[in-house]
């Protein structure tokens, strides 16, 4: 069972999945979409940073997560360089935490000399 705060956050994010991804890319002046996809399985919450670009794209990413729950707390930071082929959705970081945890994700992508906030979360359908 998800923590009520996470449930509300994921429900709101799921309602704006397509809009959120497109808005992030357009508002930032970029031609790619990025965000954090969430899924639940076996009492665990999986969070995955994703990016999709209509053209070949390379740069750097940072995927950081803080979580706290009944089992303690954790800080996870992943990052590095990436290359994306045109029209291919790629994974740029993935973590699994207890589904009852309070979670905060910071996912940024730097490409073409600009840094973009890709931290919005959407449930995968």
PDB file of N, CA and C in Angstrom:
ATOM      1  N   UNK A   1       0.844  -1.179   0.000  1.00  0.00           N
ATOM      2  CA  UNK A   1       0.000   0.000   0.000  1.00  0.00           C
ATOM      3  C   UNK A   1       0.880   1.231   0.000  1.00  0.00           C
ATOM      4  N   UNK A   2       0.605   2.171  -0.854  1.00  0.00           N
ATOM      5  CA  UNK A   2       1.371   3.406  -0.932  1.00  0.00           C
ATOM      6  C   UNK A   2       0.990   4.346   0.195  1.00  0.00           C
ATOM      7  N   UNK A   3       1.952   5.126   0.648  1.00  0.00           N
ATOM      8  CA  UNK A   3       1.697   6.185   1.621  1.00  0.00           C
ATOM      9  C   UNK A   3       0.674   7.129   1.002  1.00  0.00           C
ATOM     10  N   UNK A   4      -0.299   7.641   1.782  1.00  0.00           N
ATOM     11  CA  UNK A   4      -1.342   8.507   1.209  1.00  0.00           C
ATOM     12  C   UNK A   4      -0.794   9.690   0.418  1.00  0.00           C
ATOM     13  N   UNK A   5       0.305  10.298   0.879  1.00  0.00           N
ATOM     14  CA  UNK A   5       0.894  11.420   0.151  1.00  0.00           C
ATOM     15  C   UNK A   5       1.382  10.975  -1.221  1.00  0.00           C
ATOM     16  N   UNK A   6       2.053   9.819  -1.275  1.00  0.00           N
ATOM     17  CA  UNK A   6       2.557   9.298  -2.550  1.00  0.00           C
ATOM     18  C   UNK A   6       1.377   8.946  -3.455  1.00  0.00           C
ATOM     19  N   UNK A   7       0.315   8.339  -2.886  1.00  0.00           N
ATOM     20  CA  UNK A   7      -0.855   8.008  -3.695  1.00  0.00           C
ATOM     21  C   UNK A   7      -1.432   9.256  -4.344  1.00  0.00           C
ATOM     22  N   UNK A   8      -1.580  10.318  -3.572  1.00  0.00           N
ATOM     23  CA  UNK A   8      -2.144  11.559  -4.110  1.00  0.00           C
ATOM     24  C   UNK A   8      -1.233  12.148  -5.173  1.00  0.00           C
ATOM     25  N   UNK A   9       0.074  12.117  -4.909  1.00  0.00           N
ATOM     26  CA  UNK A   9       1.038  12.658  -5.867  1.00  0.00           C
ATOM     27  C   UNK A   9       1.001  11.871  -7.171  1.00  0.00           C
ATOM     28  N   UNK A  10       0.994  10.542  -7.072  1.00  0.00           N
ATOM     29  CA  UNK A  10       0.988   9.712  -8.278  1.00  0.00           C
ATOM     30  C   UNK A  10      -0.329   9.845  -9.036  1.00  0.00           C
ATOM     31  N   UNK A  11      -1.442   9.955  -8.321  1.00  0.00           N
ATOM     32  CA  UNK A  11      -2.733  10.118  -8.994  1.00  0.00           C
ATOM     33  C   UNK A  11      -2.761  11.425  -9.778  1.00  0.00           C
ATOM     34  N   UNK A  12      -2.273  12.484  -9.171  1.00  0.00           N
ATOM     35  CA  UNK A  12      -2.243  13.773  -9.868  1.00  0.00           C
ATOM     36  C   UNK A  12      -1.294  13.715 -11.052  1.00  0.00           C
ATOM     37  N   UNK A  13      -0.152  13.078 -10.852  1.00  0.00           N
ATOM     38  CA  UNK A  13       0.829  12.989 -11.934  1.00  0.00           C
ATOM     39  C   UNK A  13       0.292  12.149 -13.087  1.00  0.00           C
ATOM     40  N   UNK A  14      -0.404  11.064 -12.770  1.00  0.00           N
ATOM     41  CA  UNK A  14      -0.949  10.215 -13.829  1.00  0.00           C
ATOM     42  C   UNK A  14      -1.959  10.976 -14.670  1.00  0.00           C
ATOM     43  N   UNK A  15      -2.691  11.862 -14.039  1.00  0.00           N
ATOM     44  CA  UNK A  15      -3.701  12.626 -14.768  1.00  0.00           C
ATOM     45  C   UNK A  15      -3.093  13.588 -15.767  1.00  0.00           C
ATOM     46  N   UNK A  16      -1.827  13.977 -15.534  1.00  0.00           N
ATOM     47  CA  UNK A  16      -1.188  14.940 -16.437  1.00  0.00           C
ATOM     48  C   UNK A  16       0.054  14.366 -17.107  1.00  0.00           C
ATOM     49  N   UNK A  17       0.143  13.052 -17.208  1.00  0.00           N
ATOM     50  CA  UNK A  17       1.333  12.418 -17.760  1.00  0.00           C
ATOM     51  C   UNK A  17       1.758  13.029 -19.086  1.00  0.00           C
ATOM     52  N   UNK A  18       0.924  12.962 -20.090  1.00  0.00           N
ATOM     53  CA  UNK A  18       1.308  13.465 -21.414  1.00  0.00           C
ATOM     54  C   UNK A  18       1.542  14.961 -21.386  1.00  0.00           C
ATOM     55  N   UNK A  19       0.686  15.684 -20.704  1.00  0.00           N
ATOM     56  CA  UNK A  19       0.828  17.137 -20.635  1.00  0.00           C
ATOM     57  C   UNK A  19       2.109  17.511 -19.915  1.00  0.00           C
ATOM     58  N   UNK A  20       2.402  16.843 -18.798  1.00  0.00           N
ATOM     59  CA  UNK A  20       3.593  17.151 -18.012  1.00  0.00           C
ATOM     60  C   UNK A  20       4.871  16.940 -18.793  1.00  0.00           C
ATOM     61  N   UNK A  21       4.973  15.833 -19.501  1.00  0.00           N
ATOM     62  CA  UNK A  21       6.186  15.569 -20.263  1.00  0.00           C
ATOM     63  C   UNK A  21       6.352  16.587 -21.380  1.00  0.00           C
ATOM     64  N   UNK A  22       5.287  16.880 -22.112  1.00  0.00           N
ATOM     65  CA  UNK A  22       5.379  17.839 -23.210  1.00  0.00           C
ATOM     66  C   UNK A  22       5.642  19.242 -22.686  1.00  0.00           C
ATOM     67  N   UNK A  23       4.995  19.611 -21.588  1.00  0.00           N
ATOM     68  CA  UNK A  23       5.167  20.959 -21.040  1.00  0.00           C
ATOM     69  C   UNK A  23       6.594  21.173 -20.585  1.00  0.00           C
ATOM     70  N   UNK A  24       7.204  20.165 -19.972  1.00  0.00           N
ATOM     71  CA  UNK A  24       8.573  20.312 -19.504  1.00  0.00           C
ATOM     72  C   UNK A  24       9.494  20.616 -20.670  1.00  0.00           C
ATOM     73  N   UNK A  25       9.368  19.860 -21.723  1.00  0.00           N
ATOM     74  CA  UNK A  25      10.253  20.055 -22.863  1.00  0.00           C
ATOM     75  C   UNK A  25      10.013  21.402 -23.529  1.00  0.00           C
ATOM     76  N   UNK A  26       8.755  21.781 -23.734  1.00  0.00           N
ATOM     77  CA  UNK A  26       8.463  23.034 -24.417  1.00  0.00           C
ATOM     78  C   UNK A  26       8.799  24.246 -23.568  1.00  0.00           C
ATOM     79  N   UNK A  27       8.504  24.196 -22.276  1.00  0.00           N
ATOM     80  CA  UNK A  27       8.769  25.333 -21.401  1.00  0.00           C
ATOM     81  C   UNK A  27      10.261  25.599 -21.300  1.00  0.00           C
ATOM     82  N   UNK A  28      11.059  24.555 -21.403  1.00  0.00           N
ATOM     83  CA  UNK A  28      12.500  24.701 -21.266  1.00  0.00           C
ATOM     84  C   UNK A  28      13.155  25.084 -22.590  1.00  0.00           C
ATOM     85  N   UNK A  29      12.395  25.143 -23.655  1.00  0.00           N
ATOM     86  CA  UNK A  29      12.955  25.489 -24.954  1.00  0.00           C
ATOM     87  C   UNK A  29      13.693  24.328 -25.591  1.00  0.00           C
ATOM     88  N   UNK A  30      13.347  23.127 -25.198  1.00  0.00           N
ATOM     89  CA  UNK A  30      14.005  21.938 -25.715  1.00  0.00           C
ATOM     90  C   UNK A  30      13.053  21.193 -26.638  1.00  0.00           C
ATOM     91  N   UNK A  31      13.613  20.258 -27.394  1.00  0.00           N
ATOM     92  CA  UNK A  31      12.759  19.455 -28.264  1.00  0.00           C
ATOM     93  C   UNK A  31      12.706  18.009 -27.785  1.00  0.00           C
ATOM     94  N   UNK A  32      12.993  17.747 -26.514  1.00  0.00           N
ATOM     95  CA  UNK A  32      12.894  16.393 -25.992  1.00  0.00           C
ATOM     96  C   UNK A  32      11.959  16.355 -24.788  1.00  0.00           C
ATOM     97  N   UNK A  33      11.488  15.155 -24.459  1.00  0.00           N
ATOM     98  CA  UNK A  33      10.626  14.949 -23.296  1.00  0.00           C
ATOM     99  C   UNK A  33      11.384  14.116 -22.277  1.00  0.00           C
ATOM    100  N   UNK A  34      11.203  14.441 -21.003  1.00  0.00           N
ATOM    101  CA  UNK A  34      11.865  13.686 -19.949  1.00  0.00           C
ATOM    102  C   UNK A  34      10.991  13.696 -18.708  1.00  0.00           C
ATOM    103  N   UNK A  35      11.189  12.731 -17.832  1.00  0.00           N
ATOM    104  CA  UNK A  35      10.418  12.658 -16.601  1.00  0.00           C
ATOM    105  C   UNK A  35      10.747  11.403 -15.830  1.00  0.00           C
ATOM    106  N   UNK A  36      10.049  11.218 -14.721  1.00  0.00           N
ATOM    107  CA  UNK A  36      10.240  10.058 -13.856  1.00  0.00           C
ATOM    108  C   UNK A  36       8.985   9.202 -13.936  1.00  0.00           C
ATOM    109  N   UNK A  37       9.152   7.948 -14.329  1.00  0.00           N
ATOM    110  CA  UNK A  37       8.050   7.001 -14.433  1.00  0.00           C
ATOM    111  C   UNK A  37       8.037   6.153 -13.166  1.00  0.00           C
ATOM    112  N   UNK A  38       6.862   5.970 -12.581  1.00  0.00           N
ATOM    113  CA  UNK A  38       6.754   5.144 -11.380  1.00  0.00           C
ATOM    114  C   UNK A  38       5.868   3.935 -11.643  1.00  0.00           C
ATOM    115  N   UNK A  39       6.255   2.805 -11.059  1.00  0.00           N
ATOM    116  CA  UNK A  39       5.446   1.592 -11.091  1.00  0.00           C
ATOM    117  C   UNK A  39       5.545   0.941  -9.716  1.00  0.00           C
ATOM    118  N   UNK A  40       4.519   0.206  -9.335  1.00  0.00           N
ATOM    119  CA  UNK A  40       4.573  -0.548  -8.083  1.00  0.00           C
ATOM    120  C   UNK A  40       4.489  -2.026  -8.406  1.00  0.00           C
ATOM    121  N   UNK A  41       5.270  -2.799  -7.661  1.00  0.00           N
ATOM    122  CA  UNK A  41       5.268  -4.239  -7.852  1.00  0.00           C
ATOM    123  C   UNK A  41       5.780  -4.905  -6.584  1.00  0.00           C
ATOM    124  N   UNK A  42       5.024  -5.867  -6.087  1.00  0.00           N
ATOM    125  CA  UNK A  42       5.446  -6.627  -4.921  1.00  0.00           C
ATOM    126  C   UNK A  42       5.771  -5.778  -3.701  1.00  0.00           C
ATOM    127  N   UNK A  43       5.010  -4.737  -3.440  1.00  0.00           N
ATOM    128  CA  UNK A  43       5.261  -3.890  -2.283  1.00  0.00           C
ATOM    129  C   UNK A  43       6.404  -2.910  -2.455  1.00  0.00           C
ATOM    130  N   UNK A  44       6.930  -2.823  -3.664  1.00  0.00           N
ATOM    131  CA  UNK A  44       8.036  -1.908  -3.938  1.00  0.00           C
ATOM    132  C   UNK A  44       7.588  -0.848  -4.944  1.00  0.00           C
ATOM    133  N   UNK A  45       8.182   0.328  -4.825  1.00  0.00           N
ATOM    134  CA  UNK A  45       7.948   1.430  -5.753  1.00  0.00           C
ATOM    135  C   UNK A  45       9.199   1.575  -6.618  1.00  0.00           C
ATOM    136  N   UNK A  46       9.044   1.391  -7.930  1.00  0.00           N
ATOM    137  CA  UNK A  46      10.159   1.555  -8.867  1.00  0.00           C
ATOM    138  C   UNK A  46      10.047   2.929  -9.511  1.00  0.00           C
ATOM    139  N   UNK A  47      11.140   3.679  -9.508  1.00  0.00           N
ATOM    140  CA  UNK A  47      11.199   5.004 -10.125  1.00  0.00           C
ATOM    141  C   UNK A  47      12.303   4.994 -11.170  1.00  0.00           C
ATOM    142  N   UNK A  48      11.980   5.469 -12.375  1.00  0.00           N
ATOM    143  CA  UNK A  48      12.924   5.425 -13.491  1.00  0.00           C
ATOM    144  C   UNK A  48      12.935   6.765 -14.220  1.00  0.00           C
ATOM    145  N   UNK A  49      14.121   7.353 -14.340  1.00  0.00           N
ATOM    146  CA  UNK A  49      14.272   8.576 -15.121  1.00  0.00           C
ATOM    147  C   UNK A  49      14.323   8.216 -16.597  1.00  0.00           C
ATOM    148  N   UNK A  50      13.492   8.873 -17.414  1.00  0.00           N
ATOM    149  CA  UNK A  50      13.454   8.564 -18.844  1.00  0.00           C
ATOM    150  C   UNK A  50      13.604   9.826 -19.681  1.00  0.00           C
ATOM    151  N   UNK A  51      14.061   9.632 -20.897  1.00  0.00           N
ATOM    152  CA  UNK A  51      14.233  10.724 -21.853  1.00  0.00           C
ATOM    153  C   UNK A  51      13.928  10.197 -23.246  1.00  0.00           C
ATOM    154  N   UNK A  52      13.256  11.017 -24.058  1.00  0.00           N
ATOM    155  CA  UNK A  52      12.990  10.672 -25.459  1.00  0.00           C
ATOM    156  C   UNK A  52      13.155  11.931 -26.290  1.00  0.00           C
ATOM    157  N   UNK A  53      13.947  11.832 -27.347  1.00  0.00           N
ATOM    158  CA  UNK A  53      14.231  12.975 -28.208  1.00  0.00           C
ATOM    159  C   UNK A  53      13.951  12.611 -29.664  1.00  0.00           C
ATOM    160  N   UNK A  54      13.381  13.531 -30.446  1.00  0.00           N
ATOM    161  CA  UNK A  54      13.143  13.244 -31.859  1.00  0.00           C
ATOM    162  C   UNK A  54      14.437  13.222 -32.676  1.00  0.00           C
ATOM    163  N   UNK A  55      15.508  13.769 -32.110  1.00  0.00           N
ATOM    164  CA  UNK A  55      16.808  13.776 -32.785  1.00  0.00           C
ATOM    165  C   UNK A  55      17.854  13.159 -31.864  1.00  0.00           C
ATOM    166  N   UNK A  56      18.986  12.780 -32.416  1.00  0.00           N
ATOM    167  CA  UNK A  56      20.075  12.257 -31.593  1.00  0.00           C
ATOM    168  C   UNK A  56      20.464  13.322 -30.574  1.00  0.00           C
ATOM    169  N   UNK A  57      20.719  12.893 -29.340  1.00  0.00           N
ATOM    170  CA  UNK A  57      21.007  13.834 -28.263  1.00  0.00           C
ATOM    171  C   UNK A  57      22.008  13.208 -27.306  1.00  0.00           C
ATOM    172  N   UNK A  58      22.955  13.989 -26.839  1.00  0.00           N
ATOM    173  CA  UNK A  58      23.883  13.507 -25.822  1.00  0.00           C
ATOM    174  C   UNK A  58      24.074  14.590 -24.779  1.00  0.00           C
ATOM    175  N   UNK A  59      24.480  14.170 -23.599  1.00  0.00           N
ATOM    176  CA  UNK A  59      24.688  15.108 -22.506  1.00  0.00           C
ATOM    177  C   UNK A  59      24.974  14.371 -21.222  1.00  0.00           C
ATOM    178  N   UNK A  60      24.590  14.987 -20.107  1.00  0.00           N
ATOM    179  CA  UNK A  60      24.792  14.399 -18.789  1.00  0.00           C
ATOM    180  C   UNK A  60      23.475  14.416 -18.025  1.00  0.00           C
ATOM    181  N   UNK A  61      23.356  13.510 -17.051  1.00  0.00           N
ATOM    182  CA  UNK A  61      22.154  13.475 -16.223  1.00  0.00           C
ATOM    183  C   UNK A  61      22.523  13.264 -14.762  1.00  0.00           C
ATOM    184  N   UNK A  62      21.594  13.636 -13.887  1.00  0.00           N
ATOM    185  CA  UNK A  62      21.708  13.370 -12.452  1.00  0.00           C
ATOM    186  C   UNK A  62      20.340  12.899 -11.980  1.00  0.00           C
ATOM    187  N   UNK A  63      20.308  11.739 -11.341  1.00  0.00           N
ATOM    188  CA  UNK A  63      19.082  11.143 -10.818  1.00  0.00           C
ATOM    189  C   UNK A  63      19.313  10.888  -9.336  1.00  0.00           C
ATOM    190  N   UNK A  64      18.729  11.723  -8.482  1.00  0.00           N
ATOM    191  CA  UNK A  64      18.938  11.614  -7.039  1.00  0.00           C
ATOM    192  C   UNK A  64      17.606  11.372  -6.347  1.00  0.00           C
ATOM    193  N   UNK A  65      17.627  10.523  -5.333  1.00  0.00           N
ATOM    194  CA  UNK A  65      16.417  10.167  -4.614  1.00  0.00           C
ATOM    195  C   UNK A  65      16.689  10.175  -3.114  1.00  0.00           C
ATOM    196  N   UNK A  66      15.746  10.725  -2.365  1.00  0.00           N
ATOM    197  CA  UNK A  66      15.752  10.638  -0.904  1.00  0.00           C
ATOM    198  C   UNK A  66      14.461   9.948  -0.518  1.00  0.00           C
ATOM    199  N   UNK A  67      14.552   8.947   0.355  1.00  0.00           N
ATOM    200  CA  UNK A  67      13.337   8.282   0.815  1.00  0.00           C
ATOM    201  C   UNK A  67      13.437   8.031   2.311  1.00  0.00           C
ATOM    202  N   UNK A  68      12.280   8.019   2.961  1.00  0.00           N
ATOM    203  CA  UNK A  68      12.199   7.731   4.388  1.00  0.00           C
ATOM    204  C   UNK A  68      10.930   6.936   4.635  1.00  0.00           C
ATOM    205  N   UNK A  69      11.048   5.947   5.491  1.00  0.00           N
ATOM    206  CA  UNK A  69       9.899   5.114   5.813  1.00  0.00           C
ATOM    207  C   UNK A  69      10.161   4.330   7.077  1.00  0.00           C
ATOM    208  N   UNK A  70       9.305   3.362   7.339  1.00  0.00           N
ATOM    209  CA  UNK A  70       9.424   2.541   8.535  1.00  0.00           C
ATOM    210  C   UNK A  70      10.732   1.779   8.618  1.00  0.00           C
ATOM    211  N   UNK A  71      11.334   1.478   7.490  1.00  0.00           N
ATOM    212  CA  UNK A  71      12.583   0.726   7.465  1.00  0.00           C
ATOM    213  C   UNK A  71      13.823   1.595   7.502  1.00  0.00           C
ATOM    214  N   UNK A  72      13.670   2.901   7.670  1.00  0.00           N
ATOM    215  CA  UNK A  72      14.819   3.804   7.702  1.00  0.00           C
ATOM    216  C   UNK A  72      14.772   4.787   6.556  1.00  0.00           C
ATOM    217  N   UNK A  73      15.917   5.368   6.271  1.00  0.00           N
ATOM    218  CA  UNK A  73      15.988   6.350   5.188  1.00  0.00           C
ATOM    219  C   UNK A  73      17.177   6.042   4.292  1.00  0.00           C
ATOM    220  N   UNK A  74      17.127   6.599   3.079  1.00  0.00           N
ATOM    221  CA  UNK A  74      18.214   6.382   2.137  1.00  0.00           C
ATOM    222  C   UNK A  74      18.365   7.580   1.212  1.00  0.00           C
ATOM    223  N   UNK A  75      19.588   7.803   0.775  1.00  0.00           N
ATOM    224  CA  UNK A  75      19.908   8.800  -0.246  1.00  0.00           C
ATOM    225  C   UNK A  75      20.635   8.071  -1.360  1.00  0.00           C
ATOM    226  N   UNK A  76      20.133   8.185  -2.568  1.00  0.00           N
ATOM    227  CA  UNK A  76      20.741   7.524  -3.721  1.00  0.00           C
ATOM    228  C   UNK A  76      21.008   8.576  -4.782  1.00  0.00           C
ATOM    229  N   UNK A  77      22.200   8.544  -5.366  1.00  0.00           N
ATOM    230  CA  UNK A  77      22.531   9.485  -6.434  1.00  0.00           C
ATOM    231  C   UNK A  77      23.182   8.725  -7.579  1.00  0.00           C
ATOM    232  N   UNK A  78      22.607   8.872  -8.762  1.00  0.00           N
ATOM    233  CA  UNK A  78      23.144   8.255  -9.969  1.00  0.00           C
ATOM    234  C   UNK A  78      23.363   9.358 -10.991  1.00  0.00           C
ATOM    235  N   UNK A  79      24.260   9.146 -11.905  1.00  0.00           N
ATOM    236  CA  UNK A  79      24.471  10.146 -12.938  1.00  0.00           C
ATOM    237  C   UNK A  79      25.587   9.749 -13.873  1.00  0.00           C
ATOM    238  N   UNK A  80      25.750  10.539 -14.914  1.00  0.00           N
ATOM    239  CA  UNK A  80      26.791  10.279 -15.890  1.00  0.00           C
ATOM    240  C   UNK A  80      26.401  10.825 -17.247  1.00  0.00           C
ATOM    241  N   UNK A  81      27.132  10.381 -18.236  1.00  0.00           N
ATOM    242  CA  UNK A  81      26.871  10.822 -19.600  1.00  0.00           C
ATOM    243  C   UNK A  81      25.875   9.884 -20.271  1.00  0.00           C
ATOM    244  N   UNK A  82      25.175  10.400 -21.280  1.00  0.00           N
ATOM    245  CA  UNK A  82      24.234   9.582 -22.036  1.00  0.00           C
ATOM    246  C   UNK A  82      24.280   9.977 -23.502  1.00  0.00           C
ATOM    247  N   UNK A  83      23.827   9.056 -24.338  1.00  0.00           N
ATOM    248  CA  UNK A  83      23.588   9.301 -25.762  1.00  0.00           C
ATOM    249  C   UNK A  83      22.255   8.659 -26.098  1.00  0.00           C
ATOM    250  N   UNK A  84      21.394   9.419 -26.738  1.00  0.00           N
ATOM    251  CA  UNK A  84      20.068   8.919 -27.108  1.00  0.00           C
ATOM    252  C   UNK A  84      19.925   8.928 -28.624  1.00  0.00           C
ATOM    253  N   UNK A  85      19.480   7.798 -29.165  1.00  0.00           N
ATOM    254  CA  UNK A  85      19.181   7.716 -30.594  1.00  0.00           C
ATOM    255  C   UNK A  85      17.847   8.416 -30.846  1.00  0.00           C
ATOM    256  N   UNK A  86      17.609   8.882 -32.064  1.00  0.00           N
ATOM    257  CA  UNK A  86      16.339   9.554 -32.374  1.00  0.00           C
ATOM    258  C   UNK A  86      15.127   8.671 -32.056  1.00  0.00           C
ATOM    259  N   UNK A  87      14.122   9.262 -31.422  1.00  0.00           N
ATOM    260  CA  UNK A  87      12.834   8.622 -31.137  1.00  0.00           C
ATOM    261  C   UNK A  87      12.906   7.374 -30.267  1.00  0.00           C
ATOM    262  N   UNK A  88      13.981   7.199 -29.526  1.00  0.00           N
ATOM    263  CA  UNK A  88      14.112   6.053 -28.625  1.00  0.00           C
ATOM    264  C   UNK A  88      14.029   6.541 -27.181  1.00  0.00           C
ATOM    265  N   UNK A  89      13.125   5.952 -26.395  1.00  0.00           N
ATOM    266  CA  UNK A  89      13.051   6.295 -24.974  1.00  0.00           C
ATOM    267  C   UNK A  89      14.170   5.552 -24.257  1.00  0.00           C
ATOM    268  N   UNK A  90      14.983   6.294 -23.507  1.00  0.00           N
ATOM    269  CA  UNK A  90      16.083   5.665 -22.786  1.00  0.00           C
ATOM    270  C   UNK A  90      15.903   5.864 -21.284  1.00  0.00           C
ATOM    271  N   UNK A  91      16.464   4.932 -20.527  1.00  0.00           N
ATOM    272  CA  UNK A  91      16.439   4.990 -19.071  1.00  0.00           C
ATOM    273  C   UNK A  91      17.708   5.671 -18.585  1.00  0.00           C
ATOM    274  N   UNK A  92      17.533   6.678 -17.722  1.00  0.00           N
ATOM    275  CA  UNK A  92      18.677   7.395 -17.158  1.00  0.00           C
ATOM    276  C   UNK A  92      18.595   7.338 -15.637  1.00  0.00           C
ATOM    277  N   UNK A  93      18.658   6.164 -15.089  1.00  0.00           N
ATOM    278  CA  UNK A  93      18.610   5.979 -13.648  1.00  0.00           C
ATOM    279  C   UNK A  93      17.352   5.249 -13.237  1.00  0.00           C
ATOM    280  N   UNK A  94      17.515   4.333 -12.293  1.00  0.00           N
ATOM    281  CA  UNK A  94      16.378   3.558 -11.817  1.00  0.00           C
ATOM    282  C   UNK A  94      16.651   3.110 -10.388  1.00  0.00           C
ATOM    283  N   UNK A  95      15.635   3.222  -9.520  1.00  0.00           N
ATOM    284  CA  UNK A  95      15.749   2.765  -8.137  1.00  0.00           C
ATOM    285  C   UNK A  95      14.442   2.111  -7.708  1.00  0.00           C
ATOM    286  N   UNK A  96      14.533   1.264  -6.680  1.00  0.00           N
ATOM    287  CA  UNK A  96      13.349   0.667  -6.065  1.00  0.00           C
ATOM    288  C   UNK A  96      13.421   0.931  -4.568  1.00  0.00           C
ATOM    289  N   UNK A  97      12.293   1.366  -4.000  1.00  0.00           N
ATOM    290  CA  UNK A  97      12.189   1.611  -2.565  1.00  0.00           C
ATOM    291  C   UNK A  97      10.880   1.011  -2.067  1.00  0.00           C
ATOM    292  N   UNK A  98      10.742   0.905  -0.755  1.00  0.00           N
ATOM    293  CA  UNK A  98       9.511   0.421  -0.157  1.00  0.00           C
ATOM    294  C   UNK A  98       8.358   1.309  -0.609  1.00  0.00           C
ATOM    295  N   UNK A  99       7.266   0.708  -1.037  1.00  0.00           N
ATOM    296  CA  UNK A  99       6.139   1.477  -1.565  1.00  0.00           C
ATOM    297  C   UNK A  99       5.513   2.398  -0.525  1.00  0.00           C
ATOM    298  N   UNK A 100       5.756   2.185   0.756  1.00  0.00           N
ATOM    299  CA  UNK A 100       5.212   3.043   1.795  1.00  0.00           C
ATOM    300  C   UNK A 100       6.107   4.208   2.153  1.00  0.00           C
ATOM    301  N   UNK A 101       7.215   4.369   1.468  1.00  0.00           N
ATOM    302  CA  UNK A 101       8.176   5.423   1.793  1.00  0.00           C
ATOM    303  C   UNK A 101       7.732   6.788   1.286  1.00  0.00           C
ATOM    304  N   UNK A 102       8.168   7.827   1.990  1.00  0.00           N
ATOM    305  CA  UNK A 102       8.050   9.192   1.478  1.00  0.00           C
ATOM    306  C   UNK A 102       9.251   9.408   0.572  1.00  0.00           C
ATOM    307  N   UNK A 103       9.015   9.824  -0.664  1.00  0.00           N
ATOM    308  CA  UNK A 103      10.080   9.888  -1.663  1.00  0.00           C
ATOM    309  C   UNK A 103      10.179  11.278  -2.269  1.00  0.00           C
ATOM    310  N   UNK A 104      11.419  11.722  -2.470  1.00  0.00           N
ATOM    311  CA  UNK A 104      11.696  12.971  -3.177  1.00  0.00           C
ATOM    312  C   UNK A 104      12.715  12.663  -4.271  1.00  0.00           C
ATOM    313  N   UNK A 105      12.409  13.046  -5.516  1.00  0.00           N
ATOM    314  CA  UNK A 105      13.293  12.762  -6.647  1.00  0.00           C
ATOM    315  C   UNK A 105      13.762  14.067  -7.280  1.00  0.00           C
ATOM    316  N   UNK A 106      15.056  14.131  -7.579  1.00  0.00           N
ATOM    317  CA  UNK A 106      15.643  15.262  -8.304  1.00  0.00           C
ATOM    318  C   UNK A 106      16.319  14.686  -9.543  1.00  0.00           C
ATOM    319  N   UNK A 107      15.717  14.903 -10.710  1.00  0.00           N
ATOM    320  CA  UNK A 107      16.226  14.360 -11.973  1.00  0.00           C
ATOM    321  C   UNK A 107      16.482  15.525 -12.918  1.00  0.00           C
ATOM    322  N   UNK A 108      17.739  15.743 -13.258  1.00  0.00           N
ATOM    323  CA  UNK A 108      18.098  16.821 -14.180  1.00  0.00           C
ATOM    324  C   UNK A 108      18.878  16.264 -15.360  1.00  0.00           C
ATOM    325  N   UNK A 109      18.688  16.899 -16.503  1.00  0.00           N
ATOM    326  CA  UNK A 109      19.386  16.539 -17.736  1.00  0.00           C
ATOM    327  C   UNK A 109      20.056  17.794 -18.270  1.00  0.00           C
ATOM    328  N   UNK A 110      21.332  17.671 -18.635  1.00  0.00           N
ATOM    329  CA  UNK A 110      22.060  18.777 -19.251  1.00  0.00           C
ATOM    330  C   UNK A 110      22.407  18.373 -20.677  1.00  0.00           C
ATOM    331  N   UNK A 111      21.951  19.181 -21.635  1.00  0.00           N
ATOM    332  CA  UNK A 111      22.214  18.925 -23.056  1.00  0.00           C
ATOM    333  C   UNK A 111      22.299  20.261 -23.771  1.00  0.00           C
ATOM    334  N   UNK A 112      23.175  20.338 -24.734  1.00  0.00           N
ATOM    335  CA  UNK A 112      23.351  21.562 -25.525  1.00  0.00           C
ATOM    336  C   UNK A 112      23.596  22.793 -24.649  1.00  0.00           C
ATOM    337  N   UNK A 113      24.334  22.594 -23.558  1.00  0.00           N
ATOM    338  CA  UNK A 113      24.693  23.709 -22.685  1.00  0.00           C
ATOM    339  C   UNK A 113      23.602  24.198 -21.755  1.00  0.00           C
ATOM    340  N   UNK A 114      22.461  23.510 -21.697  1.00  0.00           N
ATOM    341  CA  UNK A 114      21.357  23.911 -20.824  1.00  0.00           C
ATOM    342  C   UNK A 114      20.979  22.762 -19.896  1.00  0.00           C
ATOM    343  N   UNK A 115      20.558  23.107 -18.683  1.00  0.00           N
ATOM    344  CA  UNK A 115      20.114  22.109 -17.716  1.00  0.00           C
ATOM    345  C   UNK A 115      18.596  22.170 -17.594  1.00  0.00           C
ATOM    346  N   UNK A 116      17.960  20.994 -17.624  1.00  0.00           N
ATOM    347  CA  UNK A 116      16.504  20.881 -17.601  1.00  0.00           C
ATOM    348  C   UNK A 116      16.059  20.084 -16.379  1.00  0.00           C
ATOM    349  N   UNK A 117      15.001  20.540 -15.713  1.00  0.00           N
ATOM    350  CA  UNK A 117      14.415  19.824 -14.587  1.00  0.00           C
ATOM    351  C   UNK A 117      13.438  18.790 -15.132  1.00  0.00           C
ATOM    352  N   UNK A 118      13.738  17.530 -14.901  1.00  0.00           N
ATOM    353  CA  UNK A 118      12.911  16.427 -15.399  1.00  0.00           C
ATOM    354  C   UNK A 118      12.289  15.645 -14.240  1.00  0.00           C
ATOM    355  N   UNK A 119      12.113  16.287 -13.096  1.00  0.00           N
ATOM    356  CA  UNK A 119      11.714  15.609 -11.864  1.00  0.00           C
ATOM    357  C   UNK A 119      10.243  15.248 -11.759  1.00  0.00           C
ATOM    358  N   UNK A 120       9.389  15.698 -12.660  1.00  0.00           N
ATOM    359  CA  UNK A 120       7.967  15.372 -12.535  1.00  0.00           C
ATOM    360  C   UNK A 120       7.773  13.866 -12.658  1.00  0.00           C
ATOM    361  N   UNK A 121       6.844  13.348 -11.847  1.00  0.00           N
ATOM    362  CA  UNK A 121       6.594  11.913 -11.771  1.00  0.00           C
ATOM    363  C   UNK A 121       5.254  11.575 -12.400  1.00  0.00           C
ATOM    364  N   UNK A 122       5.218  10.473 -13.142  1.00  0.00           N
ATOM    365  CA  UNK A 122       3.984   9.982 -13.747  1.00  0.00           C
ATOM    366  C   UNK A 122       3.928   8.471 -13.576  1.00  0.00           C
ATOM    367  N   UNK A 123       2.746   7.939 -13.332  1.00  0.00           N
ATOM    368  CA  UNK A 123       2.582   6.496 -13.211  1.00  0.00           C
ATOM    369  C   UNK A 123       2.577   5.877 -14.597  1.00  0.00           C
ATOM    370  N   UNK A 124       3.285   4.772 -14.743  1.00  0.00           N
ATOM    371  CA  UNK A 124       3.284   4.056 -16.026  1.00  0.00           C
ATOM    372  C   UNK A 124       2.002   3.256 -16.133  1.00  0.00           C
ATOM    373  N   UNK A 125       1.367   3.355 -17.285  1.00  0.00           N
ATOM    374  CA  UNK A 125       0.108   2.629 -17.482  1.00  0.00           C
ATOM    375  C   UNK A 125       0.307   1.468 -18.416  1.00  0.00           C
TER     376      UNK A 125
END
